[in-house]
Amino acid sequence: KEVFENPKNERLKEFLNKVLNH
């Protein structure tokens, strides 16, 4: 979970957010 909180994975988090939020 810490990995998604890293700025490096900010784009990945945004992508997952879009997928999870549809």
PDB file of N, CA and C in Angstrom:
ATOM      1  N   LYS A   1       0.840  -1.205   0.000  1.00  0.00           N
ATOM      2  CA  LYS A   1       0.000   0.000   0.000  1.00  0.00           C
ATOM      3  C   LYS A   1       0.869   1.246   0.000  1.00  0.00           C
ATOM      4  N   GLU A   2       2.015   1.152   0.630  1.00  0.00           N
ATOM      5  CA  GLU A   2       2.912   2.332   0.671  1.00  0.00           C
ATOM      6  C   GLU A   2       3.407   2.680  -0.736  1.00  0.00           C
ATOM      7  N   VAL A   3       3.497   1.669  -1.547  1.00  0.00           N
ATOM      8  CA  VAL A   3       3.999   1.909  -2.916  1.00  0.00           C
ATOM      9  C   VAL A   3       3.083   2.872  -3.664  1.00  0.00           C
ATOM     10  N   PHE A   4       1.773   2.732  -3.454  1.00  0.00           N
ATOM     11  CA  PHE A   4       0.828   3.596  -4.175  1.00  0.00           C
ATOM     12  C   PHE A   4       0.830   5.007  -3.607  1.00  0.00           C
ATOM     13  N   GLU A   5       1.375   5.153  -2.413  1.00  0.00           N
ATOM     14  CA  GLU A   5       1.391   6.506  -1.802  1.00  0.00           C
ATOM     15  C   GLU A   5       2.640   7.275  -2.245  1.00  0.00           C
ATOM     16  N   ASN A   6       3.535   6.600  -2.917  1.00  0.00           N
ATOM     17  CA  ASN A   6       4.773   7.264  -3.358  1.00  0.00           C
ATOM     18  C   ASN A   6       4.497   8.152  -4.567  1.00  0.00           C
ATOM     19  N   PRO A   7       5.153   9.276  -4.662  1.00  0.00           N
ATOM     20  CA  PRO A   7       4.970  10.192  -5.795  1.00  0.00           C
ATOM     21  C   PRO A   7       5.337   9.533  -7.120  1.00  0.00           C
ATOM     22  N   LYS A   8       6.266   8.596  -7.046  1.00  0.00           N
ATOM     23  CA  LYS A   8       6.678   7.902  -8.279  1.00  0.00           C
ATOM     24  C   LYS A   8       5.501   7.127  -8.861  1.00  0.00           C
ATOM     25  N   ASN A   9       4.676   6.611  -7.991  1.00  0.00           N
ATOM     26  CA  ASN A   9       3.530   5.821  -8.471  1.00  0.00           C
ATOM     27  C   ASN A   9       2.257   6.651  -8.486  1.00  0.00           C
ATOM     28  N   GLU A  10       2.430   7.940  -8.452  1.00  0.00           N
ATOM     29  CA  GLU A  10       1.233   8.811  -8.452  1.00  0.00           C
ATOM     30  C   GLU A  10       0.402   8.546  -9.709  1.00  0.00           C
ATOM     31  N   ARG A  11       1.079   8.369 -10.834  1.00  0.00           N
ATOM     32  CA  ARG A  11       0.339   8.112 -12.090  1.00  0.00           C
ATOM     33  C   ARG A  11      -0.357   6.769 -11.997  1.00  0.00           C
ATOM     34  N   LEU A  12       0.334   5.799 -11.436  1.00  0.00           N
ATOM     35  CA  LEU A  12      -0.276   4.462 -11.312  1.00  0.00           C
ATOM     36  C   LEU A  12      -1.496   4.541 -10.401  1.00  0.00           C
ATOM     37  N   LYS A  13      -1.364   5.310  -9.343  1.00  0.00           N
ATOM     38  CA  LYS A  13      -2.496   5.469  -8.415  1.00  0.00           C
ATOM     39  C   LYS A  13      -3.677   6.112  -9.151  1.00  0.00           C
ATOM     40  N   GLU A  14      -3.378   7.103  -9.950  1.00  0.00           N
ATOM     41  CA  GLU A  14      -4.457   7.777 -10.689  1.00  0.00           C
ATOM     42  C   GLU A  14      -5.131   6.789 -11.641  1.00  0.00           C
ATOM     43  N   PHE A  15      -4.313   5.970 -12.269  1.00  0.00           N
ATOM     44  CA  PHE A  15      -4.859   4.973 -13.192  1.00  0.00           C
ATOM     45  C   PHE A  15      -5.759   3.983 -12.448  1.00  0.00           C
ATOM     46  N   LEU A  16      -5.279   3.505 -11.320  1.00  0.00           N
ATOM     47  CA  LEU A  16      -6.078   2.561 -10.517  1.00  0.00           C
ATOM     48  C   LEU A  16      -7.344   3.246 -10.022  1.00  0.00           C
ATOM     49  N   ASN A  17      -7.227   4.487  -9.669  1.00  0.00           N
ATOM     50  CA  ASN A  17      -8.398   5.233  -9.182  1.00  0.00           C
ATOM     51  C   ASN A  17      -9.457   5.292 -10.274  1.00  0.00           C
ATOM     52  N   LYS A  18      -9.022   5.558 -11.477  1.00  0.00           N
ATOM     53  CA  LYS A  18      -9.988   5.642 -12.586  1.00  0.00           C
ATOM     54  C   LYS A  18     -10.634   4.280 -12.815  1.00  0.00           C
ATOM     55  N   VAL A  19      -9.823   3.257 -12.772  1.00  0.00           N
ATOM     56  CA  VAL A  19     -10.346   1.896 -13.012  1.00  0.00           C
ATOM     57  C   VAL A  19     -11.295   1.475 -11.886  1.00  0.00           C
ATOM     58  N   LEU A  20     -10.904   1.794 -10.660  1.00  0.00           N
ATOM     59  CA  LEU A  20     -11.747   1.395  -9.515  1.00  0.00           C
ATOM     60  C   LEU A  20     -12.995   2.270  -9.437  1.00  0.00           C
ATOM     61  N   ASN A  21     -12.866   3.510  -9.862  1.00  0.00           N
ATOM     62  CA  ASN A  21     -14.022   4.423  -9.794  1.00  0.00           C
ATOM     63  C   ASN A  21     -14.879   4.325 -11.059  1.00  0.00           C
ATOM     64  N   HIS A  22     -14.317   3.655 -12.064  1.00  0.00           N
ATOM     65  CA  HIS A  22     -15.067   3.541 -13.327  1.00  0.00           C
ATOM     66  C   HIS A  22     -15.454   4.932 -13.810  1.00  0.00           C
TER      67      HIS A  22
END
